[in-house]
Amino acid sequence: QRLEQGRPHDGDETGVGDLSLLAHVLAASTVTERSVFRFSLLAGLKLPSGDSGRLREELHESADAEASGIHGHDLTLGSGSVDGLVGGQLFWSWQRLFVTAAGQYALRTTGAFGYRFADELTWSSGPGVFVVLGHDYTLAAQAVVSGETKGKDSLDGTPSGDTGVTSLYAGPGFGVTWRTSLAADVAVDLPVVQHNTALQLLPDLRVRGGVTWRF
């Protein structure tokens, strides 16, 4: 919901966003009777598969436009750019206890309508425990701390003041596995620190999840 020509306007955006093609390399692995250590690296590309039409709004915004935290760069499903992604993941366990850490850096390029999203660093880490640890399945609970930092986007080289943000989140996470084929996880992120550069759209709560099926 936002003001358009002095009146509240409701709308929604639904569709496929930008997709990423990633390669994972297991850089180090050690397995003993009581512990497991794995460290992997990743690299890839973010592809312009999502509709970037909403970025057209950025061309027509002016300094005296109505104050709003919702702009074209917030609503767009795609950036129109091919971006580089690099990062790493770490897992270490001792008996039922474990700790994970992951980080990813996105190197952005100029996309549709001359708009360039700023480079972004995201990371997460935290300790956990296997509540259930069997040969065929596991159930894990974790305390997760995560964060992100992103500079200001730009349009034709001119910085956009309402796009920079540094955030810190904390919350619980849960994961299940079944044999070596299926894994699923979910985490709830509650904001602890949010430093934004202007009037912006920021989450009160985030829920992240994923499913992995190996075949």
Protein backbone atom coordinates (compact mmCIF):
# COMPACT_ATOMS: atom_id res chain seq x y z
CA GLN A 1 0.00 0.00 0.00
CA ARG A 2 1.29 3.47 -0.91
CA LEU A 3 0.14 6.93 -1.89
CA GLU A 4 -0.36 7.55 -5.59
CA GLN A 5 -1.56 11.02 -6.65
CA GLY A 6 -2.63 11.72 -3.07
CA ARG A 7 -4.72 8.57 -2.63
CA PRO A 8 -3.92 5.22 -0.95
CA HIS A 9 -3.33 2.49 -3.51
CA ASP A 10 -3.25 -1.26 -2.82
CA GLY A 11 -1.52 -3.73 -5.09
CA ASP A 12 0.63 -6.84 -5.27
CA GLU A 13 3.40 -8.37 -7.36
CA THR A 14 3.55 -12.10 -8.03
CA GLY A 15 5.80 -14.06 -10.34
CA VAL A 16 9.15 -15.73 -10.87
CA GLY A 17 12.11 -13.68 -9.69
CA ASP A 18 15.73 -13.80 -10.75
CA LEU A 19 17.29 -17.28 -10.62
CA SER A 20 20.82 -18.21 -9.58
CA LEU A 21 23.12 -20.88 -11.00
CA LEU A 22 25.63 -21.95 -8.33
CA ALA A 23 28.52 -24.38 -8.15
CA HIS A 24 29.52 -25.85 -4.78
CA VAL A 25 32.98 -27.27 -4.11
CA LEU A 26 33.79 -29.26 -0.95
CA ALA A 27 37.10 -27.72 0.08
CA ALA A 28 37.70 -29.68 3.30
CA SER A 29 36.02 -32.61 5.03
CA THR A 30 36.86 -34.60 8.16
CA VAL A 31 34.65 -37.29 9.69
CA THR A 32 35.36 -39.20 12.93
CA GLU A 33 33.23 -41.27 15.29
CA ARG A 34 32.29 -38.16 17.31
CA SER A 35 32.68 -35.19 15.00
CA VAL A 36 32.13 -33.94 11.45
CA PHE A 37 33.81 -30.96 9.81
CA ARG A 38 32.94 -29.67 6.34
CA PHE A 39 33.88 -26.47 4.56
CA SER A 40 32.64 -25.68 1.07
CA LEU A 41 32.98 -22.80 -1.37
CA LEU A 42 30.39 -21.55 -3.83
CA ALA A 43 30.43 -19.34 -6.90
CA GLY A 44 27.93 -18.60 -9.60
CA LEU A 45 25.75 -16.15 -11.45
CA LYS A 46 22.43 -14.47 -10.75
CA LEU A 47 20.49 -14.44 -14.02
CA PRO A 48 17.91 -11.84 -15.20
CA SER A 49 14.91 -14.17 -15.34
CA GLY A 50 12.47 -11.98 -13.40
CA ASP A 51 10.34 -9.18 -14.83
CA SER A 52 12.21 -5.87 -14.30
CA GLY A 53 9.40 -3.64 -15.57
CA ARG A 54 8.80 -2.04 -12.16
CA LEU A 55 12.23 -0.39 -12.38
CA ARG A 56 10.78 1.94 -15.01
CA GLU A 57 9.22 3.88 -12.11
CA GLU A 58 12.70 4.99 -11.05
CA LEU A 59 13.01 7.04 -14.26
CA HIS A 60 10.00 9.19 -13.39
CA GLU A 61 10.50 9.82 -9.66
CA SER A 62 11.29 13.39 -8.65
CA ALA A 63 12.57 15.06 -5.50
CA ASP A 64 9.10 16.44 -4.69
CA ALA A 65 7.34 13.08 -5.10
CA GLU A 66 5.03 11.84 -2.34
CA ALA A 67 6.90 10.34 0.61
CA SER A 68 6.80 6.57 0.40
CA GLY A 69 8.83 3.56 1.49
CA ILE A 70 7.68 1.54 -1.53
CA HIS A 71 9.32 2.26 -4.87
CA GLY A 72 9.96 0.45 -8.12
CA HIS A 73 13.15 -1.14 -6.79
CA ASP A 74 11.15 -2.63 -3.89
CA LEU A 75 8.47 -4.12 -6.14
CA THR A 76 10.49 -5.36 -9.09
CA LEU A 77 10.72 -9.13 -9.59
CA GLY A 78 14.03 -8.85 -11.45
CA SER A 79 16.99 -6.53 -11.87
CA GLY A 80 17.76 -7.12 -15.54
CA SER A 81 21.42 -7.66 -14.65
CA VAL A 82 23.82 -10.60 -14.57
CA ASP A 83 25.53 -10.57 -11.16
CA GLY A 84 28.38 -12.57 -9.67
CA LEU A 85 27.97 -14.56 -6.45
CA VAL A 86 30.76 -15.90 -4.22
CA GLY A 87 30.66 -17.38 -0.74
CA GLY A 88 31.31 -20.24 1.62
CA GLN A 89 29.68 -22.56 4.15
CA LEU A 90 31.03 -24.26 7.29
CA PHE A 91 29.63 -27.07 9.44
CA TRP A 92 31.26 -28.56 12.53
CA SER A 93 29.69 -31.01 14.98
CA TRP A 94 30.78 -32.84 18.12
CA GLN A 95 28.42 -35.58 19.22
CA ARG A 96 24.98 -33.86 19.30
CA LEU A 97 26.29 -30.27 19.31
CA PHE A 98 27.09 -28.35 16.12
CA VAL A 99 27.79 -24.89 14.74
CA THR A 100 27.25 -23.52 11.24
CA ALA A 101 28.43 -20.42 9.41
CA ALA A 102 27.72 -19.15 5.90
CA GLY A 103 28.39 -16.01 3.92
CA GLN A 104 27.71 -14.73 0.41
CA TYR A 105 28.78 -11.63 -1.48
CA ALA A 106 26.85 -10.37 -4.51
CA LEU A 107 28.73 -8.30 -7.10
CA ARG A 108 26.06 -6.34 -8.96
CA THR A 109 26.17 -4.92 -12.46
CA THR A 110 23.96 -2.35 -14.20
CA GLY A 111 20.62 -3.78 -15.27
CA ALA A 112 17.35 -2.61 -16.78
CA PHE A 113 16.74 1.14 -17.33
CA GLY A 114 20.28 1.97 -16.17
CA TYR A 115 19.49 0.88 -12.60
CA ARG A 116 22.25 -0.81 -10.58
CA PHE A 117 21.56 -2.55 -7.29
CA ALA A 118 24.44 -2.10 -4.84
CA ASP A 119 26.79 -4.93 -3.89
CA GLU A 120 25.49 -6.89 -0.91
CA LEU A 121 26.99 -9.06 1.84
CA THR A 122 24.77 -11.57 3.66
CA TRP A 123 25.82 -14.00 6.40
CA SER A 124 24.46 -16.29 9.11
CA SER A 125 25.90 -18.35 11.95
CA GLY A 126 24.97 -20.03 15.20
CA PRO A 127 25.19 -23.04 17.52
CA GLY A 128 22.70 -25.87 17.60
CA VAL A 129 21.88 -29.32 18.90
CA PHE A 130 20.54 -32.49 17.31
CA VAL A 131 17.36 -33.20 19.28
CA VAL A 132 16.97 -36.46 17.37
CA LEU A 133 20.02 -38.14 15.86
CA GLY A 134 19.34 -41.44 14.11
CA HIS A 135 20.77 -43.38 11.19
CA ASP A 136 17.83 -42.57 8.90
CA TYR A 137 16.67 -39.17 10.13
CA THR A 138 17.64 -36.18 12.30
CA LEU A 139 15.91 -33.20 13.92
CA ALA A 140 17.99 -30.17 14.86
CA ALA A 141 17.31 -26.90 16.71
CA GLN A 142 19.58 -23.89 16.38
CA ALA A 143 20.05 -20.30 17.60
CA VAL A 144 20.72 -18.29 14.44
CA VAL A 145 22.30 -14.85 14.11
CA SER A 146 22.25 -13.36 10.61
CA GLY A 147 22.90 -10.06 8.94
CA GLU A 148 23.20 -8.12 5.73
CA THR A 149 24.85 -4.93 4.59
CA LYS A 150 24.16 -3.16 1.32
CA GLY A 151 25.21 0.20 -0.09
CA LYS A 152 23.13 2.65 -2.09
CA ASP A 153 21.72 1.67 -5.47
CA SER A 154 22.29 4.01 -8.40
CA LEU A 155 20.44 5.16 -11.50
CA ASP A 156 22.69 6.14 -14.39
CA GLY A 157 25.50 6.61 -11.86
CA THR A 158 23.49 8.79 -9.44
CA PRO A 159 23.13 7.23 -5.94
CA SER A 160 19.64 6.55 -4.60
CA GLY A 161 19.39 7.71 -1.00
CA ASP A 162 16.69 5.29 0.17
CA THR A 163 18.38 1.97 -0.61
CA GLY A 164 21.35 1.49 1.77
CA VAL A 165 20.82 -0.76 4.80
CA THR A 166 22.71 -2.71 7.46
CA SER A 167 20.68 -5.19 9.51
CA LEU A 168 21.27 -7.75 12.25
CA TYR A 169 18.74 -10.49 13.02
CA ALA A 170 18.42 -13.25 15.64
CA GLY A 171 15.99 -16.11 16.06
CA PRO A 172 15.40 -19.86 16.15
CA GLY A 173 16.09 -22.29 13.35
CA PHE A 174 15.04 -25.92 12.79
CA GLY A 175 16.20 -28.59 10.36
CA VAL A 176 15.27 -32.15 9.48
CA THR A 177 16.95 -34.75 7.28
CA TRP A 178 15.80 -38.12 6.00
CA ARG A 179 18.57 -40.51 5.03
CA THR A 180 20.88 -38.85 2.49
CA SER A 181 18.12 -37.81 0.10
CA LEU A 182 15.96 -35.16 1.76
CA ALA A 183 16.71 -32.14 3.95
CA ALA A 184 14.55 -29.19 4.99
CA ASP A 185 15.15 -26.18 7.20
CA VAL A 186 13.34 -23.08 8.40
CA ALA A 187 14.47 -20.05 10.41
CA VAL A 188 12.67 -17.06 11.95
CA ASP A 189 14.60 -13.77 11.91
CA LEU A 190 13.70 -11.02 14.39
CA PRO A 191 15.39 -7.63 13.78
CA VAL A 192 17.91 -6.57 16.43
CA VAL A 193 19.62 -3.74 14.54
CA GLN A 194 18.38 -1.91 11.43
CA HIS A 195 20.32 1.06 10.07
CA ASN A 196 18.75 2.45 6.90
CA THR A 197 19.71 5.54 4.93
CA ALA A 198 16.23 7.09 4.47
CA LEU A 199 12.51 6.24 4.51
CA GLN A 200 12.57 2.60 3.44
CA LEU A 201 10.60 -0.63 3.51
CA LEU A 202 12.10 -2.89 6.23
CA PRO A 203 10.83 -6.23 7.60
CA ASP A 204 9.37 -6.61 11.09
CA LEU A 205 9.86 -10.36 10.75
CA ARG A 206 11.48 -12.69 8.24
CA VAL A 207 10.84 -16.40 7.72
CA ARG A 208 13.40 -18.27 5.60
CA GLY A 209 13.23 -21.89 4.51
CA GLY A 210 14.50 -24.38 2.00
CA VAL A 211 14.23 -27.95 0.82
CA THR A 212 17.04 -30.02 -0.70
CA TRP A 213 16.41 -33.29 -2.55
CA ARG A 214 19.39 -35.29 -3.73
CA PHE A 215 18.88 -37.94 -6.41
